[in-house]
Protein backbone atom coordinates (compact mmCIF):
# COMPACT_ATOMS: atom_id res chain seq x y z
CA MET A 1 -27.31 -0.23 20.70
CA ALA A 2 -25.93 0.90 17.34
CA SER A 3 -27.74 3.68 15.51
CA PRO A 4 -29.69 2.90 12.30
CA LYS A 5 -27.08 4.85 10.35
CA ALA A 6 -24.24 2.75 11.80
CA ILE A 7 -26.14 -0.46 11.04
CA ARG A 8 -26.70 0.62 7.44
CA SER A 9 -22.99 1.43 7.07
CA LEU A 10 -22.04 -2.00 8.44
CA LEU A 11 -24.44 -3.77 6.09
CA ALA A 12 -23.05 -1.83 3.13
CA ALA A 13 -19.49 -2.78 4.10
CA PHE A 14 -20.44 -6.46 4.41
CA ALA A 15 -22.15 -6.34 1.00
CA ALA A 16 -19.07 -4.77 -0.63
CA CYS A 17 -16.82 -7.46 0.85
CA ALA A 18 -19.17 -10.21 -0.36
CA ILE A 19 -19.24 -8.81 -3.90
CA LEU A 20 -15.44 -8.55 -4.00
CA ALA A 21 -15.09 -12.12 -2.70
CA LEU A 22 -17.45 -13.42 -5.37
CA SER A 23 -15.59 -11.52 -8.08
CA THR A 24 -12.26 -12.92 -6.87
CA ARG A 25 -13.59 -16.50 -6.78
CA ALA A 26 -14.91 -16.12 -10.33
CA PHE A 27 -11.51 -14.78 -11.42
CA HIS A 28 -9.76 -17.77 -9.87
CA ALA A 29 -12.27 -20.18 -11.43
CA ALA A 30 -10.99 -19.12 -14.86
CA GLU A 31 -7.48 -20.08 -13.75
CA GLU A 32 -8.58 -23.53 -12.52
CA SER A 33 -10.41 -24.30 -15.79
CA GLN A 34 -7.30 -23.71 -17.91
CA SER A 35 -5.68 -26.74 -19.56
CA PRO A 36 -2.13 -27.22 -20.93
CA ALA A 37 -3.55 -27.32 -24.47
CA GLN A 38 -5.10 -23.89 -24.01
CA ASP A 39 -1.75 -22.56 -22.81
CA SER A 40 -0.05 -23.30 -26.16
CA ALA A 41 -1.81 -20.65 -28.26
CA ARG A 42 -2.53 -17.31 -26.64
CA VAL A 43 -3.61 -13.98 -28.08
CA PRO A 44 -1.95 -10.94 -26.46
CA VAL A 45 -4.44 -8.62 -24.73
CA LEU A 46 -3.53 -5.21 -23.30
CA VAL A 47 -5.00 -4.60 -19.82
CA GLU A 48 -4.58 -1.08 -18.44
CA LEU A 49 -5.46 -0.35 -14.81
CA PHE A 50 -5.94 3.29 -13.84
CA THR A 51 -5.14 3.35 -10.14
CA SER A 52 -3.71 5.40 -7.29
CA GLU A 53 -2.07 4.89 -3.93
CA GLY A 54 -4.51 7.48 -2.58
CA CYS A 55 -7.61 5.41 -3.46
CA SER A 56 -8.86 2.87 -0.90
CA ASP A 57 -10.71 0.84 -3.57
CA CYS A 58 -7.53 0.40 -5.64
CA PRO A 59 -5.44 -2.17 -3.69
CA PRO A 60 -7.87 -5.06 -4.49
CA ALA A 61 -7.69 -4.09 -8.17
CA ASP A 62 -3.89 -3.90 -7.96
CA ARG A 63 -3.85 -7.46 -6.60
CA LEU A 64 -6.16 -8.73 -9.35
CA LEU A 65 -3.89 -7.18 -11.98
CA GLU A 66 -0.85 -8.83 -10.41
CA GLU A 67 -2.59 -12.23 -10.40
CA LEU A 68 -3.60 -11.73 -14.02
CA ASP A 69 0.03 -10.99 -14.87
CA THR A 70 1.73 -13.74 -12.88
CA LYS A 71 -0.82 -16.57 -13.21
CA GLN A 72 -2.23 -15.81 -16.68
CA PRO A 73 -5.52 -17.57 -15.78
CA ILE A 74 -7.60 -16.66 -18.85
CA PRO A 75 -7.72 -19.43 -21.48
CA GLY A 76 -6.41 -18.32 -24.86
CA ALA A 77 -5.18 -14.93 -23.58
CA GLN A 78 -1.74 -13.57 -22.84
CA ALA A 79 -2.51 -10.57 -20.63
CA ILE A 80 -0.01 -7.74 -21.03
CA VAL A 81 -0.68 -5.49 -18.07
CA LEU A 82 0.02 -1.87 -17.15
CA SER A 83 -0.53 -0.04 -13.84
CA GLU A 84 -1.25 3.57 -14.76
CA HIS A 85 -1.21 5.89 -11.73
CA VAL A 86 -3.27 9.08 -11.92
CA THR A 87 -2.53 12.35 -10.11
CA TYR A 88 -6.01 13.49 -9.06
CA TRP A 89 -5.94 11.61 -5.75
CA ASN A 90 -2.81 13.48 -4.65
CA HIS A 91 -4.89 16.29 -3.11
CA LEU A 92 -5.69 14.12 -0.05
CA GLY A 93 -2.21 14.73 1.33
CA TRP A 94 -0.34 11.75 -0.12
CA ARG A 95 1.43 12.26 -3.43
CA ASP A 96 1.49 8.97 -5.30
CA PRO A 97 5.17 8.71 -6.35
CA PHE A 98 4.18 6.85 -9.52
CA SER A 99 1.50 9.29 -10.69
CA LEU A 100 1.95 10.98 -14.06
CA ASP A 101 0.11 13.82 -15.80
CA GLU A 102 0.30 11.80 -19.02
CA ILE A 103 -1.79 9.07 -17.39
CA ASP A 104 -4.49 11.60 -16.46
CA GLN A 105 -4.57 12.71 -20.08
CA ARG A 106 -4.77 9.11 -21.32
CA GLN A 107 -7.62 8.27 -18.98
CA ASN A 108 -9.52 11.42 -19.94
CA GLU A 109 -9.28 10.39 -23.59
CA TYR A 110 -10.81 7.04 -22.67
CA GLY A 111 -13.48 8.83 -20.66
CA GLY A 112 -14.54 10.69 -23.78
CA ARG A 113 -14.49 7.58 -25.96
CA PHE A 114 -16.57 5.60 -23.47
CA HIS A 115 -18.95 8.56 -22.93
CA LEU A 116 -18.36 8.55 -19.17
CA ASP A 117 -19.63 11.40 -17.01
CA SER A 118 -16.29 11.38 -15.19
CA VAL A 119 -13.17 9.25 -14.91
CA TYR A 120 -12.61 7.09 -11.84
CA THR A 121 -10.32 4.61 -10.12
CA PRO A 122 -9.86 1.74 -10.19
CA GLN A 123 -10.72 1.51 -13.88
CA ALA A 124 -9.61 -1.34 -16.13
CA VAL A 125 -9.48 -0.81 -19.89
CA ILE A 126 -9.09 -3.89 -22.08
CA ASP A 127 -7.52 -3.47 -25.53
CA GLY A 128 -8.81 0.11 -25.54
CA ALA A 129 -12.25 -1.27 -26.43
CA ALA A 130 -13.96 -2.08 -23.11
CA GLN A 131 -13.86 -0.63 -19.62
CA LEU A 132 -15.06 -1.71 -16.18
CA VAL A 133 -14.38 -1.29 -12.48
CA GLY A 134 -10.90 -2.69 -11.90
CA ASN A 135 -11.73 -4.80 -8.83
CA ASN A 136 -14.49 -6.71 -10.65
CA GLY A 137 -12.71 -10.06 -11.03
CA SER A 138 -15.41 -11.90 -12.97
CA GLY A 139 -15.98 -8.96 -15.31
CA LEU A 140 -12.25 -8.58 -15.92
CA ALA A 141 -11.87 -12.28 -16.75
CA GLN A 142 -14.80 -12.15 -19.19
CA ALA A 143 -13.51 -8.98 -20.87
CA VAL A 144 -10.02 -10.41 -21.36
CA GLU A 145 -11.41 -13.70 -22.67
CA HIS A 146 -13.65 -11.83 -25.11
CA ALA A 147 -10.74 -9.68 -26.31
CA ALA A 148 -8.66 -12.81 -26.92
CA SER A 149 -11.33 -14.17 -29.27
CA ALA A 150 -10.22 -11.67 -31.93
CA ALA A 151 -6.83 -12.15 -33.63
CA LYS A 152 -4.20 -9.43 -33.34
CA LYS A 153 -1.96 -8.03 -36.04
CA PRO A 154 1.67 -9.24 -35.82
CA ILE A 155 4.14 -6.88 -34.16
CA THR A 156 7.65 -7.60 -32.88
CA ILE A 157 10.31 -5.78 -30.87
CA GLY A 158 13.94 -5.99 -31.96
CA ASP A 159 17.39 -5.02 -30.66
CA ALA A 160 16.05 -3.49 -27.41
CA HIS A 161 18.74 -2.24 -25.03
CA TRP A 162 19.53 0.50 -22.53
CA ASP A 163 21.73 3.36 -23.73
CA ASN A 164 22.50 6.45 -21.60
CA GLY A 165 19.22 6.53 -19.69
CA ALA A 166 17.01 5.57 -22.63
CA VAL A 167 15.89 2.39 -24.32
CA ILE A 168 16.77 1.97 -27.98
CA PHE A 169 14.72 -0.52 -29.99
CA THR A 170 13.07 -1.34 -33.29
CA VAL A 171 9.51 -2.39 -34.11
CA HIS A 172 8.33 -4.44 -37.06
CA GLY A 173 4.62 -4.40 -37.78
CA PRO A 174 1.94 -3.27 -40.20
CA SER A 175 2.13 0.22 -41.63
CA ASP A 176 -1.23 2.01 -41.53
CA SER A 177 -1.89 5.76 -41.37
CA GLY A 178 -4.99 5.03 -39.29
CA LEU A 179 -2.91 3.45 -36.51
CA LYS A 180 -0.51 4.95 -33.99
CA LEU A 181 2.43 3.22 -32.32
CA VAL A 182 2.66 3.68 -28.56
CA ALA A 183 5.65 2.52 -26.49
CA VAL A 184 5.79 2.19 -22.72
CA LEU A 185 8.43 1.44 -20.11
CA ALA A 186 7.08 -0.17 -16.95
CA ALA A 187 8.43 -1.99 -13.91
CA ASP A 188 7.13 -3.62 -10.75
CA ALA A 189 7.43 -1.46 -7.65
CA THR A 190 6.75 -1.33 -3.93
CA GLY A 191 5.95 2.14 -2.68
CA ALA A 192 6.97 3.73 0.59
CA LYS A 193 4.72 3.45 3.63
CA ILE A 194 1.75 5.71 2.92
CA GLU A 195 1.49 8.46 5.52
CA ARG A 196 -1.77 10.17 4.65
CA GLY A 197 -4.96 9.72 2.65
CA GLU A 198 -7.33 6.76 2.36
CA ASN A 199 -4.53 4.14 2.48
CA ALA A 200 -2.58 5.71 5.35
CA GLY A 201 -0.39 3.19 7.17
CA ARG A 202 -0.20 0.72 4.27
CA THR A 203 2.69 -0.27 2.02
CA LEU A 204 1.47 -1.27 -1.45
CA HIS A 205 3.03 -3.36 -4.21
CA HIS A 206 2.30 -2.61 -7.85
CA VAL A 207 2.91 -4.61 -11.01
CA ALA A 208 4.15 -3.10 -14.31
CA VAL A 209 3.96 0.55 -13.22
CA VAL A 210 4.16 2.90 -16.19
CA ARG A 211 7.18 5.19 -15.87
CA THR A 212 7.16 6.68 -19.35
CA ILE A 213 4.85 6.50 -22.35
CA LYS A 214 5.30 7.89 -25.85
CA ASP A 215 3.13 8.12 -28.95
CA PHE A 216 5.26 7.59 -32.07
CA GLY A 217 2.38 8.30 -34.45
CA SER A 218 1.83 6.25 -37.59
CA SER A 219 5.55 5.81 -38.27
CA GLY A 220 8.01 3.58 -36.52
CA THR A 221 6.93 0.07 -37.44
CA ASP A 222 9.34 -0.27 -40.36
CA GLY A 223 12.37 -1.31 -38.30
CA ARG A 224 13.91 2.13 -37.87
CA SER A 225 15.74 2.81 -34.59
CA LEU A 226 13.44 4.27 -31.90
CA ARG A 227 14.38 5.93 -28.61
CA LEU A 228 12.29 6.03 -25.43
CA SER A 229 13.46 7.97 -22.37
CA GLY A 230 13.82 5.82 -19.28
CA GLY A 231 11.95 8.27 -17.05
CA SER A 232 12.33 7.39 -13.36
CA LEU A 233 13.95 4.08 -14.40
CA ALA A 234 16.84 5.79 -16.17
CA HIS A 235 19.06 5.85 -13.08
CA ASP A 236 17.49 3.01 -11.13
CA SER A 237 20.32 1.17 -9.39
CA SER A 238 18.14 -1.72 -8.18
CA ASN A 239 18.40 -3.56 -11.53
CA THR A 240 14.65 -4.08 -11.53
CA PRO A 241 13.62 -5.78 -14.81
CA THR A 242 12.04 -3.26 -17.16
CA ARG A 243 9.14 -4.10 -19.42
CA LEU A 244 9.11 -2.55 -22.88
CA ILE A 245 5.56 -2.74 -24.20
CA VAL A 246 4.57 -1.55 -27.68
CA PHE A 247 1.12 -1.51 -29.19
CA LEU A 248 -0.78 -0.24 -32.20
CA ALA A 249 -4.04 1.56 -31.56
CA GLU A 250 -6.63 2.92 -33.95
CA LYS A 251 -6.41 6.71 -33.96
CA LYS A 252 -10.19 7.21 -34.09
CA THR A 253 -11.33 4.64 -31.53
CA GLY A 254 -8.28 3.81 -29.42
CA HIS A 255 -8.84 0.08 -30.02
CA VAL A 256 -5.63 -1.93 -29.74
CA THR A 257 -4.94 -4.05 -32.81
CA ALA A 258 -1.42 -5.29 -31.97
CA VAL A 259 0.64 -5.54 -28.79
CA SER A 260 3.98 -7.03 -27.80
CA GLU A 261 6.18 -7.07 -24.69
CA GLN A 262 9.85 -7.65 -23.94
CA THR A 263 11.66 -7.65 -20.60
CA LEU A 264 14.99 -5.82 -20.39
CA THR A 265 17.77 -6.11 -17.85
CA ARG A 266 20.79 -3.85 -17.60
C-alpha cells in the first residue's frame, strides 16, 4: 500500500495535469471562435515568455507560445512572441545554450515593476503591462485579447538586411522622449538533447528565441540607419529565418505602445 505522502504527491500531480488541460482547452477555444472577419483587423501585441531548458514547468509554456505564434487564435490580436531564456536555472548542471544575462536583467526589471517577491519561470509578460504564469492558457488568451483592445502607435521597419554579421535597418515611428526603442533579433530553435537537470533526456523546440536585444533609447524612430549585432545568429549557416522585432516602451512603466516585426532571410 502506498504511503500517505506518496498518495498526496500523486493527487497533486493529477491536479496539476487537470489544470493544465483545462487551460489548454480554453486557449484552443479562443482559436475555434475566431472568424474570417476578425482576422482582417488585428492589433499587434508583444508576448514575452521568460523560460529555461532547465525548468520542468517551461515546456508546456513553450508549446503554448508556439501555438499562439503559429495559429494566432486570439480575435483581434496579432501576437508577436519572444522566448527569453534566463540563466538562473543553469546551476542544475545543464547550461541552457540560449540563456542570456540581458534576459535576467530584463526580467528583474519587470519583477520590480510588478512588485513581485521574486522572478520565476515560466512567466509571460504581455505588452509590458501584465504578467502571469506562462503555462496558463486561458489567462494568456484573456491577457492578449485585453491588450488588443487598445490601439497601438504606428511603427514600421524599413530596408532591413544582413551586413557583416549585423542587421541594418530603419524605423519610422513617433518621437517621444518618454519612450525608448528596443530592437530584438530572434529565431526558432531546437536545442540539443538535455543531459542534466529537470528536463534531462528531452529535446525541446523553442519559437522566436531572443539572440540579441538592444535599447536604442528615445532616438532612432526618425528613419536613420540602425545597426543590431547578429549575436549567435551572425554566423548561422542553417539559413534559419530571423525575426527582427522593434517596439516602443514607456521608460517609466515599461508598457509597450508600438510593436512591429519583419522576417529576414540571408
